[in-house]
Amino acid sequence: MRYSIRPITEQDVPFLWDMLYESLYVPKGKEPFSRNVIKEPFLSKYVEDWGREGDLGYIAVNDEGLSLGSITARFFNEDNKGFGFVGNDVPELGIALKEEYRGIGIGRALLQMLIDVLKEKGIKKVSLSVAPDNMAAMKLYQRFGFKEVGMVDTSITMVLEL
């Protein structure tokens, strides 16, 4: 499948909300979350006011211009921690793909793009939060060298030294 990766624009914000919902891991056989959950402050902080200083992200699009997935990096602070928060100077990564585009290398390409740009910007680390039973995501992050540094509720916090 052919696709390209481009920076997020203001027009992509509705898609970022869709991807925030897609990023919520639901184990096999469990009920999906209500769509309204992404409006809760503990989740909405990942997309609200997108485009503030330090926000970085990319969208994978196919040849017809259809958005397939996104990756973002956003800074949080002590007063407004994300699930993968490790420090004010460490952006937290968020990644999601539409279900039908998973497992074919798009997530890997998005992650590589983000890591390359973070390194160019002189950022030293990036963090994330992942459900331990989300095996596909865990394998991807481990392949890139992310290391487990803790747990928040039922999610593992991982960090990559850049």
Protein backbone atom coordinates (compact mmCIF):
# COMPACT_ATOMS: atom_id res chain seq x y z
CA MET A 1 0.00 0.00 0.00
CA ARG A 2 1.29 3.44 -0.91
CA TYR A 3 1.11 6.27 1.58
CA SER A 4 3.00 9.37 2.57
CA ILE A 5 3.65 11.09 5.89
CA ARG A 6 3.13 14.82 6.37
CA PRO A 7 3.04 17.25 9.31
CA ILE A 8 -0.26 17.75 11.12
CA THR A 9 -2.19 20.87 10.11
CA GLU A 10 -5.10 22.63 11.77
CA GLN A 11 -7.46 20.79 9.38
CA ASP A 12 -6.30 17.48 10.88
CA VAL A 13 -7.53 18.21 14.41
CA PRO A 14 -10.87 16.36 13.94
CA PHE A 15 -8.86 13.33 12.76
CA LEU A 16 -6.64 13.63 15.87
CA TRP A 17 -9.78 13.28 18.01
CA ASP A 18 -10.69 10.11 16.03
CA MET A 19 -7.19 8.76 16.56
CA LEU A 20 -7.32 9.55 20.28
CA TYR A 21 -10.36 7.27 20.47
CA GLU A 22 -8.61 4.61 18.32
CA SER A 23 -5.61 4.71 20.68
CA LEU A 24 -7.70 3.41 23.60
CA TYR A 25 -6.76 -0.25 23.87
CA VAL A 26 -9.71 -2.61 24.32
CA PRO A 27 -8.79 -6.23 25.09
CA LYS A 28 -10.47 -8.92 22.96
CA GLY A 29 -14.00 -9.64 24.12
CA LYS A 30 -14.32 -6.42 26.16
CA GLU A 31 -16.84 -3.66 25.52
CA PRO A 32 -15.38 -0.65 23.65
CA PHE A 33 -15.31 2.65 25.52
CA SER A 34 -18.06 5.20 25.03
CA ARG A 35 -16.98 7.73 22.39
CA ASN A 36 -17.59 10.50 24.96
CA VAL A 37 -14.62 9.34 27.06
CA ILE A 38 -12.23 11.35 24.84
CA LYS A 39 -13.86 14.56 26.09
CA GLU A 40 -12.84 13.76 29.68
CA PRO A 41 -9.94 16.02 30.79
CA PHE A 42 -7.58 13.08 31.46
CA LEU A 43 -7.81 12.22 27.72
CA SER A 44 -8.83 15.45 25.99
CA LYS A 45 -5.50 17.03 27.06
CA TYR A 46 -3.83 14.99 24.30
CA VAL A 47 -5.64 16.92 21.52
CA GLU A 48 -7.15 20.09 23.02
CA ASP A 49 -5.56 23.32 21.78
CA TRP A 50 -3.42 21.38 19.30
CA GLY A 51 -0.69 23.55 17.83
CA ARG A 52 0.64 25.02 21.05
CA GLU A 53 4.38 25.49 21.43
CA GLY A 54 6.27 22.20 21.35
CA ASP A 55 3.47 20.18 19.72
CA LEU A 56 4.81 17.91 17.01
CA GLY A 57 2.95 15.40 14.92
CA TYR A 58 2.47 13.63 11.62
CA ILE A 59 -0.34 12.03 9.63
CA ALA A 60 -0.03 9.07 7.26
CA VAL A 61 -2.23 9.56 4.17
CA ASN A 62 -2.87 7.33 1.19
CA ASP A 63 -2.76 8.39 -2.48
CA GLU A 64 -6.38 9.56 -2.33
CA GLY A 65 -5.59 11.82 0.62
CA LEU A 66 -7.38 9.61 3.16
CA SER A 67 -5.83 9.86 6.64
CA LEU A 68 -4.72 6.44 7.90
CA GLY A 69 -3.08 7.21 11.23
CA SER A 70 -1.28 9.79 13.33
CA ILE A 71 1.60 10.21 15.72
CA THR A 72 2.00 13.11 18.13
CA ALA A 73 4.47 14.30 20.74
CA ARG A 74 3.29 16.78 23.35
CA PHE A 75 4.82 18.25 26.48
CA PHE A 76 2.96 18.07 29.78
CA ASN A 77 3.92 19.28 33.25
CA GLU A 78 3.51 18.32 36.90
CA ASP A 79 0.11 20.05 37.08
CA ASN A 80 -1.24 18.35 33.96
CA LYS A 81 0.45 14.97 33.65
CA GLY A 82 -0.23 12.57 30.80
CA PHE A 83 -0.32 8.81 31.49
CA GLY A 84 3.27 8.49 30.28
CA PHE A 85 4.57 11.60 32.07
CA VAL A 86 8.20 11.37 33.21
CA GLY A 87 9.28 15.03 33.21
CA ASN A 88 8.51 18.54 31.95
CA ASP A 89 11.27 18.26 29.32
CA VAL A 90 10.13 14.87 27.94
CA PRO A 91 7.33 14.90 25.36
CA GLU A 92 4.75 12.12 25.51
CA LEU A 93 4.09 10.19 22.35
CA GLY A 94 0.65 9.22 21.10
CA ILE A 95 0.14 6.97 18.08
CA ALA A 96 -2.92 5.38 16.47
CA LEU A 97 -3.96 3.90 13.16
CA LYS A 98 -7.36 3.11 11.73
CA GLU A 99 -7.89 -0.57 12.46
CA GLU A 100 -7.72 -1.70 8.82
CA TYR A 101 -4.25 -0.14 8.37
CA ARG A 102 -2.55 -1.79 11.35
CA GLY A 103 0.23 -4.36 11.02
CA ILE A 104 1.57 -3.22 7.62
CA GLY A 105 4.41 -0.93 8.66
CA ILE A 106 2.68 2.46 8.81
CA GLY A 107 3.05 2.75 12.60
CA ARG A 108 6.75 1.90 12.31
CA ALA A 109 7.21 4.60 9.63
CA LEU A 110 5.34 7.20 11.71
CA LEU A 111 7.41 6.35 14.79
CA GLN A 112 10.68 6.57 12.84
CA MET A 113 9.68 9.98 11.42
CA LEU A 114 8.83 11.37 14.85
CA ILE A 115 12.03 10.02 16.45
CA ASP A 116 14.16 11.51 13.65
CA VAL A 117 12.59 14.97 14.06
CA LEU A 118 12.80 14.88 17.88
CA LYS A 119 16.53 14.09 17.57
CA GLU A 120 16.97 16.97 15.09
CA LYS A 121 15.31 19.28 17.61
CA GLY A 122 17.76 18.16 20.31
CA ILE A 123 15.14 16.47 22.48
CA LYS A 124 16.83 13.84 24.65
CA LYS A 125 13.95 11.47 25.52
CA VAL A 126 10.37 10.63 24.58
CA SER A 127 7.87 8.73 26.74
CA LEU A 128 4.63 6.83 26.20
CA SER A 129 2.02 4.80 28.01
CA VAL A 130 0.87 1.39 26.79
CA ALA A 131 -1.38 -1.42 28.00
CA PRO A 132 0.86 -4.42 28.79
CA ASP A 133 -1.44 -6.81 26.92
CA ASN A 134 -1.34 -4.67 23.74
CA MET A 135 1.30 -7.01 22.33
CA ALA A 136 1.58 -5.43 18.87
CA ALA A 137 2.31 -2.01 20.37
CA MET A 138 4.69 -3.43 22.99
CA LYS A 139 6.70 -5.25 20.29
CA LEU A 140 6.91 -2.09 18.15
CA TYR A 141 8.14 0.05 21.04
CA GLN A 142 10.65 -2.57 22.20
CA ARG A 143 12.01 -2.88 18.64
CA PHE A 144 12.73 0.87 18.72
CA GLY A 145 14.49 0.55 22.09
CA PHE A 146 11.83 1.91 24.47
CA LYS A 147 12.43 0.72 28.05
CA GLU A 148 9.85 0.20 30.81
CA VAL A 149 10.26 2.77 33.60
CA GLY A 150 7.06 2.36 35.64
CA MET A 151 3.32 1.78 35.81
CA VAL A 152 0.36 4.16 36.04
CA ASP A 153 -2.86 2.31 36.88
CA THR A 154 -2.77 -0.66 34.49
CA SER A 155 -0.50 0.92 31.86
CA ILE A 156 3.26 0.66 31.43
CA THR A 157 5.25 3.88 31.05
CA MET A 158 8.11 3.51 28.59
CA VAL A 159 10.95 5.88 27.66
CA LEU A 160 13.27 6.04 24.68
CA GLU A 161 16.64 7.77 25.06
CA LEU A 162 17.21 9.66 21.82
